[in-house]
Amino acid sequence: METLSIELLTRKLKNAPQSVLDRVIGYVDALLEPTTNTKPYSLTKEQQQILDSQLNSDKSTYIDAETLYTNIKNKHEL
């Protein structure tokens, strides 16, 4: 079955442009990379506490990002 999968992939990609091949290679590389839980940022203790306090907050009080953006644009006449 493994050989059939490789043959099928080879046939499908045989005439593909380089940009498609680059995307496929990037996808395969991402699949093979070990997953890590390291964050590309760091928070202060206060920032982490603020985020943690929002975990169980009432989601009905949230405002949609697009609505917020539109409201701010209108308010400031942008």
PDB file of N, CA and C in Angstrom:
ATOM      1  N   MET A   1       0.809  -1.189   0.000  1.00  0.00           N
ATOM      2  CA  MET A   1       0.000   0.000   0.000  1.00  0.00           C
ATOM      3  C   MET A   1       0.860   1.265   0.000  1.00  0.00           C
ATOM      4  N   GLU A   2       1.980   1.230   0.708  1.00  0.00           N
ATOM      5  CA  GLU A   2       2.864   2.387   0.770  1.00  0.00           C
ATOM      6  C   GLU A   2       3.403   2.733  -0.616  1.00  0.00           C
ATOM      7  N   THR A   3       3.776   1.721  -1.393  1.00  0.00           N
ATOM      8  CA  THR A   3       4.294   1.946  -2.737  1.00  0.00           C
ATOM      9  C   THR A   3       3.222   2.561  -3.624  1.00  0.00           C
ATOM     10  N   LEU A   4       1.976   2.116  -3.488  1.00  0.00           N
ATOM     11  CA  LEU A   4       0.880   2.672  -4.272  1.00  0.00           C
ATOM     12  C   LEU A   4       0.673   4.147  -3.950  1.00  0.00           C
ATOM     13  N   SER A   5       0.784   4.502  -2.696  1.00  0.00           N
ATOM     14  CA  SER A   5       0.617   5.894  -2.290  1.00  0.00           C
ATOM     15  C   SER A   5       1.698   6.768  -2.896  1.00  0.00           C
ATOM     16  N   ILE A   6       2.911   6.294  -2.871  1.00  0.00           N
ATOM     17  CA  ILE A   6       4.030   7.059  -3.434  1.00  0.00           C
ATOM     18  C   ILE A   6       3.881   7.172  -4.942  1.00  0.00           C
ATOM     19  N   GLU A   7       3.466   6.087  -5.598  1.00  0.00           N
ATOM     20  CA  GLU A   7       3.260   6.124  -7.050  1.00  0.00           C
ATOM     21  C   GLU A   7       2.148   7.097  -7.416  1.00  0.00           C
ATOM     22  N   LEU A   8       1.059   7.089  -6.651  1.00  0.00           N
ATOM     23  CA  LEU A   8      -0.053   8.005  -6.904  1.00  0.00           C
ATOM     24  C   LEU A   8       0.401   9.448  -6.726  1.00  0.00           C
ATOM     25  N   LEU A   9       1.123   9.719  -5.673  1.00  0.00           N
ATOM     26  CA  LEU A   9       1.636  11.059  -5.424  1.00  0.00           C
ATOM     27  C   LEU A   9       2.588  11.495  -6.533  1.00  0.00           C
ATOM     28  N   THR A  10       3.430  10.602  -6.960  1.00  0.00           N
ATOM     29  CA  THR A  10       4.371  10.904  -8.043  1.00  0.00           C
ATOM     30  C   THR A  10       3.630  11.249  -9.324  1.00  0.00           C
ATOM     31  N   ARG A  11       2.598  10.463  -9.658  1.00  0.00           N
ATOM     32  CA  ARG A  11       1.808  10.736 -10.875  1.00  0.00           C
ATOM     33  C   ARG A  11       1.118  12.092 -10.785  1.00  0.00           C
ATOM     34  N   LYS A  12       0.543  12.391  -9.634  1.00  0.00           N
ATOM     35  CA  LYS A  12      -0.181  13.649  -9.488  1.00  0.00           C
ATOM     36  C   LYS A  12       0.747  14.863  -9.568  1.00  0.00           C
ATOM     37  N   LEU A  13       1.964  14.706  -9.074  1.00  0.00           N
ATOM     38  CA  LEU A  13       2.890  15.838  -9.025  1.00  0.00           C
ATOM     39  C   LEU A  13       3.835  15.903 -10.222  1.00  0.00           C
ATOM     40  N   LYS A  14       3.739  14.930 -11.115  1.00  0.00           N
ATOM     41  CA  LYS A  14       4.676  14.815 -12.235  1.00  0.00           C
ATOM     42  C   LYS A  14       4.788  16.112 -13.036  1.00  0.00           C
ATOM     43  N   ASN A  15       3.684  16.722 -13.369  1.00  0.00           N
ATOM     44  CA  ASN A  15       3.707  17.933 -14.196  1.00  0.00           C
ATOM     45  C   ASN A  15       3.338  19.192 -13.414  1.00  0.00           C
ATOM     46  N   ALA A  16       3.402  19.101 -12.121  1.00  0.00           N
ATOM     47  CA  ALA A  16       3.039  20.254 -11.284  1.00  0.00           C
ATOM     48  C   ALA A  16       4.118  21.333 -11.364  1.00  0.00           C
ATOM     49  N   PRO A  17       3.702  22.585 -11.306  1.00  0.00           N
ATOM     50  CA  PRO A  17       4.697  23.670 -11.311  1.00  0.00           C
ATOM     51  C   PRO A  17       5.515  23.662 -10.011  1.00  0.00           C
ATOM     52  N   GLN A  18       6.648  24.304 -10.058  1.00  0.00           N
ATOM     53  CA  GLN A  18       7.560  24.322  -8.911  1.00  0.00           C
ATOM     54  C   GLN A  18       6.893  24.890  -7.668  1.00  0.00           C
ATOM     55  N   SER A  19       6.021  25.879  -7.847  1.00  0.00           N
ATOM     56  CA  SER A  19       5.369  26.483  -6.685  1.00  0.00           C
ATOM     57  C   SER A  19       4.514  25.453  -5.939  1.00  0.00           C
ATOM     58  N   VAL A  20       3.864  24.567  -6.679  1.00  0.00           N
ATOM     59  CA  VAL A  20       3.059  23.517  -6.045  1.00  0.00           C
ATOM     60  C   VAL A  20       3.968  22.534  -5.327  1.00  0.00           C
ATOM     61  N   LEU A  21       5.066  22.168  -5.959  1.00  0.00           N
ATOM     62  CA  LEU A  21       6.008  21.240  -5.328  1.00  0.00           C
ATOM     63  C   LEU A  21       6.575  21.832  -4.041  1.00  0.00           C
ATOM     64  N   ASP A  22       6.872  23.123  -4.059  1.00  0.00           N
ATOM     65  CA  ASP A  22       7.384  23.782  -2.859  1.00  0.00           C
ATOM     66  C   ASP A  22       6.357  23.735  -1.735  1.00  0.00           C
ATOM     67  N   ARG A  23       5.090  23.952  -2.074  1.00  0.00           N
ATOM     68  CA  ARG A  23       4.034  23.901  -1.056  1.00  0.00           C
ATOM     69  C   ARG A  23       3.881  22.494  -0.497  1.00  0.00           C
ATOM     70  N   VAL A  24       3.951  21.487  -1.373  1.00  0.00           N
ATOM     71  CA  VAL A  24       3.817  20.095  -0.921  1.00  0.00           C
ATOM     72  C   VAL A  24       4.978  19.739   0.001  1.00  0.00           C
ATOM     73  N   ILE A  25       6.170  20.133  -0.371  1.00  0.00           N
ATOM     74  CA  ILE A  25       7.345  19.851   0.454  1.00  0.00           C
ATOM     75  C   ILE A  25       7.214  20.544   1.810  1.00  0.00           C
ATOM     76  N   GLY A  26       6.745  21.791   1.799  1.00  0.00           N
ATOM     77  CA  GLY A  26       6.536  22.505   3.054  1.00  0.00           C
ATOM     78  C   GLY A  26       5.507  21.816   3.925  1.00  0.00           C
ATOM     79  N   TYR A  27       4.451  21.311   3.302  1.00  0.00           N
ATOM     80  CA  TYR A  27       3.407  20.603   4.046  1.00  0.00           C
ATOM     81  C   TYR A  27       3.965  19.326   4.663  1.00  0.00           C
ATOM     82  N   VAL A  28       4.718  18.573   3.883  1.00  0.00           N
ATOM     83  CA  VAL A  28       5.295  17.322   4.386  1.00  0.00           C
ATOM     84  C   VAL A  28       6.277  17.612   5.511  1.00  0.00           C
ATOM     85  N   ASP A  29       7.097  18.643   5.342  1.00  0.00           N
ATOM     86  CA  ASP A  29       8.039  19.014   6.399  1.00  0.00           C
ATOM     87  C   ASP A  29       7.301  19.357   7.693  1.00  0.00           C
ATOM     88  N   ALA A  30       6.197  20.104   7.563  1.00  0.00           N
ATOM     89  CA  ALA A  30       5.422  20.483   8.748  1.00  0.00           C
ATOM     90  C   ALA A  30       4.816  19.263   9.429  1.00  0.00           C
ATOM     91  N   LEU A  31       4.402  18.285   8.639  1.00  0.00           N
ATOM     92  CA  LEU A  31       3.844  17.064   9.212  1.00  0.00           C
ATOM     93  C   LEU A  31       4.893  16.265   9.974  1.00  0.00           C
ATOM     94  N   LEU A  32       6.123  16.315   9.500  1.00  0.00           N
ATOM     95  CA  LEU A  32       7.184  15.516  10.099  1.00  0.00           C
ATOM     96  C   LEU A  32       7.867  16.192  11.281  1.00  0.00           C
ATOM     97  N   GLU A  33       7.671  17.513  11.427  1.00  0.00           N
ATOM     98  CA  GLU A  33       8.296  18.224  12.537  1.00  0.00           C
ATOM     99  C   GLU A  33       7.629  17.802  13.845  1.00  0.00           C
ATOM    100  N   PRO A  34       8.425  17.596  14.866  1.00  0.00           N
ATOM    101  CA  PRO A  34       7.817  17.272  16.162  1.00  0.00           C
ATOM    102  C   PRO A  34       7.061  18.492  16.686  1.00  0.00           C
ATOM    103  N   THR A  35       5.929  18.247  17.285  1.00  0.00           N
ATOM    104  CA  THR A  35       5.160  19.363  17.833  1.00  0.00           C
ATOM    105  C   THR A  35       5.774  19.797  19.153  1.00  0.00           C
ATOM    106  N   THR A  36       5.829  21.084  19.319  1.00  0.00           N
ATOM    107  CA  THR A  36       6.371  21.633  20.554  1.00  0.00           C
ATOM    108  C   THR A  36       5.353  22.584  21.151  1.00  0.00           C
ATOM    109  N   ASN A  37       5.430  22.741  22.431  1.00  0.00           N
ATOM    110  CA  ASN A  37       4.531  23.652  23.115  1.00  0.00           C
ATOM    111  C   ASN A  37       5.235  24.933  23.522  1.00  0.00           C
ATOM    112  N   THR A  38       6.351  25.233  22.906  1.00  0.00           N
ATOM    113  CA  THR A  38       7.050  26.456  23.249  1.00  0.00           C
ATOM    114  C   THR A  38       6.360  27.634  22.580  1.00  0.00           C
ATOM    115  N   LYS A  39       6.212  28.688  23.335  1.00  0.00           N
ATOM    116  CA  LYS A  39       5.567  29.893  22.834  1.00  0.00           C
ATOM    117  C   LYS A  39       6.634  30.813  22.251  1.00  0.00           C
ATOM    118  N   PRO A  40       6.329  31.460  21.124  1.00  0.00           N
ATOM    119  CA  PRO A  40       7.298  32.375  20.524  1.00  0.00           C
ATOM    120  C   PRO A  40       7.278  33.748  21.197  1.00  0.00           C
ATOM    121  N   TYR A  41       6.739  33.808  22.396  1.00  0.00           N
ATOM    122  CA  TYR A  41       6.635  35.060  23.131  1.00  0.00           C
ATOM    123  C   TYR A  41       6.689  34.757  24.625  1.00  0.00           C
ATOM    124  N   SER A  42       6.814  35.790  25.422  1.00  0.00           N
ATOM    125  CA  SER A  42       6.760  35.590  26.870  1.00  0.00           C
ATOM    126  C   SER A  42       5.841  36.645  27.470  1.00  0.00           C
ATOM    127  N   LEU A  43       5.124  36.250  28.487  1.00  0.00           N
ATOM    128  CA  LEU A  43       4.198  37.150  29.163  1.00  0.00           C
ATOM    129  C   LEU A  43       4.701  37.430  30.568  1.00  0.00           C
ATOM    130  N   THR A  44       4.356  38.615  31.046  1.00  0.00           N
ATOM    131  CA  THR A  44       4.656  38.897  32.448  1.00  0.00           C
ATOM    132  C   THR A  44       3.656  38.111  33.291  1.00  0.00           C
ATOM    133  N   LYS A  45       3.921  38.005  34.565  1.00  0.00           N
ATOM    134  CA  LYS A  45       2.991  37.298  35.450  1.00  0.00           C
ATOM    135  C   LYS A  45       1.621  37.974  35.437  1.00  0.00           C
ATOM    136  N   GLU A  46       1.622  39.300  35.414  1.00  0.00           N
ATOM    137  CA  GLU A  46       0.355  40.045  35.397  1.00  0.00           C
ATOM    138  C   GLU A  46      -0.437  39.750  34.118  1.00  0.00           C
ATOM    139  N   GLN A  47       0.254  39.744  32.964  1.00  0.00           N
ATOM    140  CA  GLN A  47      -0.424  39.433  31.700  1.00  0.00           C
ATOM    141  C   GLN A  47      -0.994  38.017  31.716  1.00  0.00           C
ATOM    142  N   GLN A  48      -0.238  37.061  32.247  1.00  0.00           N
ATOM    143  CA  GLN A  48      -0.706  35.682  32.313  1.00  0.00           C
ATOM    144  C   GLN A  48      -1.916  35.569  33.228  1.00  0.00           C
ATOM    145  N   GLN A  49      -1.914  36.316  34.333  1.00  0.00           N
ATOM    146  CA  GLN A  49      -3.056  36.295  35.252  1.00  0.00           C
ATOM    147  C   GLN A  49      -4.306  36.861  34.575  1.00  0.00           C
ATOM    148  N   ILE A  50      -4.134  37.918  33.791  1.00  0.00           N
ATOM    149  CA  ILE A  50      -5.274  38.499  33.067  1.00  0.00           C
ATOM    150  C   ILE A  50      -5.856  37.481  32.096  1.00  0.00           C
ATOM    151  N   LEU A  51      -4.985  36.822  31.351  1.00  0.00           N
ATOM    152  CA  LEU A  51      -5.459  35.796  30.412  1.00  0.00           C
ATOM    153  C   LEU A  51      -6.131  34.646  31.136  1.00  0.00           C
ATOM    154  N   ASP A  52      -5.526  34.183  32.208  1.00  0.00           N
ATOM    155  CA  ASP A  52      -6.099  33.076  32.971  1.00  0.00           C
ATOM    156  C   ASP A  52      -7.474  33.437  33.526  1.00  0.00           C
ATOM    157  N   SER A  53      -7.640  34.692  33.933  1.00  0.00           N
ATOM    158  CA  SER A  53      -8.928  35.109  34.511  1.00  0.00           C
ATOM    159  C   SER A  53     -10.035  35.133  33.461  1.00  0.00           C
ATOM    160  N   GLN A  54      -9.666  35.168  32.187  1.00  0.00           N
ATOM    161  CA  GLN A  54     -10.659  35.223  31.117  1.00  0.00           C
ATOM    162  C   GLN A  54     -11.105  33.841  30.652  1.00  0.00           C
ATOM    163  N   LEU A  55     -10.470  32.792  31.144  1.00  0.00           N
ATOM    164  CA  LEU A  55     -10.795  31.442  30.679  1.00  0.00           C
ATOM    165  C   LEU A  55     -12.244  31.066  30.904  1.00  0.00           C
ATOM    166  N   ASN A  56     -12.800  31.440  32.031  1.00  0.00           N
ATOM    167  CA  ASN A  56     -14.173  31.051  32.362  1.00  0.00           C
ATOM    168  C   ASN A  56     -15.152  32.210  32.267  1.00  0.00           C
ATOM    169  N   SER A  57     -14.790  33.255  31.544  1.00  0.00           N
ATOM    170  CA  SER A  57     -15.684  34.410  31.453  1.00  0.00           C
ATOM    171  C   SER A  57     -16.853  34.118  30.510  1.00  0.00           C
ATOM    172  N   ASP A  58     -17.899  34.915  30.627  1.00  0.00           N
ATOM    173  CA  ASP A  58     -19.118  34.741  29.845  1.00  0.00           C
ATOM    174  C   ASP A  58     -18.868  35.169  28.396  1.00  0.00           C
ATOM    175  N   LYS A  59     -18.931  34.218  27.496  1.00  0.00           N
ATOM    176  CA  LYS A  59     -18.622  34.490  26.083  1.00  0.00           C
ATOM    177  C   LYS A  59     -19.655  35.397  25.419  1.00  0.00           C
ATOM    178  N   SER A  60     -20.849  35.486  25.991  1.00  0.00           N
ATOM    179  CA  SER A  60     -21.888  36.337  25.401  1.00  0.00           C
ATOM    180  C   SER A  60     -21.558  37.822  25.537  1.00  0.00           C
ATOM    181  N   THR A  61     -20.627  38.157  26.403  1.00  0.00           N
ATOM    182  CA  THR A  61     -20.243  39.562  26.569  1.00  0.00           C
ATOM    183  C   THR A  61     -19.154  39.976  25.580  1.00  0.00           C
ATOM    184  N   TYR A  62     -18.657  39.041  24.829  1.00  0.00           N
ATOM    185  CA  TYR A  62     -17.605  39.347  23.859  1.00  0.00           C
ATOM    186  C   TYR A  62     -18.184  40.096  22.664  1.00  0.00           C
ATOM    187  N   ILE A  63     -17.344  40.872  22.016  1.00  0.00           N
ATOM    188  CA  ILE A  63     -17.732  41.594  20.803  1.00  0.00           C
ATOM    189  C   ILE A  63     -16.935  41.018  19.639  1.00  0.00           C
ATOM    190  N   ASP A  64     -17.633  40.787  18.540  1.00  0.00           N
ATOM    191  CA  ASP A  64     -16.989  40.287  17.332  1.00  0.00           C
ATOM    192  C   ASP A  64     -15.926  41.290  16.866  1.00  0.00           C
ATOM    193  N   ALA A  65     -14.771  40.804  16.430  1.00  0.00           N
ATOM    194  CA  ALA A  65     -13.657  41.670  16.039  1.00  0.00           C
ATOM    195  C   ALA A  65     -14.049  42.607  14.895  1.00  0.00           C
ATOM    196  N   GLU A  66     -14.794  42.106  13.913  1.00  0.00           N
ATOM    197  CA  GLU A  66     -15.203  42.960  12.792  1.00  0.00           C
ATOM    198  C   GLU A  66     -16.130  44.070  13.259  1.00  0.00           C
ATOM    199  N   THR A  67     -17.049  43.739  14.160  1.00  0.00           N
ATOM    200  CA  THR A  67     -17.971  44.742  14.698  1.00  0.00           C
ATOM    201  C   THR A  67     -17.202  45.802  15.473  1.00  0.00           C
ATOM    202  N   LEU A  68     -16.257  45.370  16.285  1.00  0.00           N
ATOM    203  CA  LEU A  68     -15.439  46.301  17.050  1.00  0.00           C
ATOM    204  C   LEU A  68     -14.660  47.220  16.122  1.00  0.00           C
ATOM    205  N   TYR A  69     -14.071  46.647  15.094  1.00  0.00           N
ATOM    206  CA  TYR A  69     -13.293  47.424  14.124  1.00  0.00           C
ATOM    207  C   TYR A  69     -14.181  48.462  13.439  1.00  0.00           C
ATOM    208  N   THR A  70     -15.362  48.058  13.013  1.00  0.00           N
ATOM    209  CA  THR A  70     -16.298  48.975  12.349  1.00  0.00           C
ATOM    210  C   THR A  70     -16.717  50.087  13.295  1.00  0.00           C
ATOM    211  N   ASN A  71     -17.011  49.726  14.539  1.00  0.00           N
ATOM    212  CA  ASN A  71     -17.412  50.739  15.519  1.00  0.00           C
ATOM    213  C   ASN A  71     -16.308  51.759  15.766  1.00  0.00           C
ATOM    214  N   ILE A  72     -15.085  51.283  15.870  1.00  0.00           N
ATOM    215  CA  ILE A  72     -13.959  52.198  16.101  1.00  0.00           C
ATOM    216  C   ILE A  72     -13.740  53.090  14.891  1.00  0.00           C
ATOM    217  N   LYS A  73     -13.836  52.509  13.696  1.00  0.00           N
ATOM    218  CA  LYS A  73     -13.690  53.303  12.468  1.00  0.00           C
ATOM    219  C   LYS A  73     -14.741  54.400  12.404  1.00  0.00           C
ATOM    220  N   ASN A  74     -15.984  54.041  12.698  1.00  0.00           N
ATOM    221  CA  ASN A  74     -17.059  55.016  12.664  1.00  0.00           C
ATOM    222  C   ASN A  74     -16.890  56.089  13.731  1.00  0.00           C
ATOM    223  N   LYS A  75     -16.500  55.669  14.918  1.00  0.00           N
ATOM    224  CA  LYS A  75     -16.339  56.617  16.020  1.00  0.00           C
ATOM    225  C   LYS A  75     -15.278  57.654  15.717  1.00  0.00           C
ATOM    226  N   HIS A  76     -14.187  57.207  15.111  1.00  0.00           N
ATOM    227  CA  HIS A  76     -13.062  58.114  14.835  1.00  0.00           C
ATOM    228  C   HIS A  76     -13.063  58.625  13.396  1.00  0.00           C
ATOM    229  N   GLU A  77     -14.137  58.329  12.680  1.00  0.00           N
ATOM    230  CA  GLU A  77     -14.328  58.790  11.296  1.00  0.00           C
ATOM    231  C   GLU A  77     -13.123  58.465  10.410  1.00  0.00           C
ATOM    232  N   LEU A  78     -12.713  57.232  10.442  1.00  0.00           N
ATOM    233  CA  LEU A  78     -11.562  56.799   9.634  1.00  0.00           C
ATOM    234  C   LEU A  78     -12.027  56.225   8.306  1.00  0.00           C
TER     235      LEU A  78
END
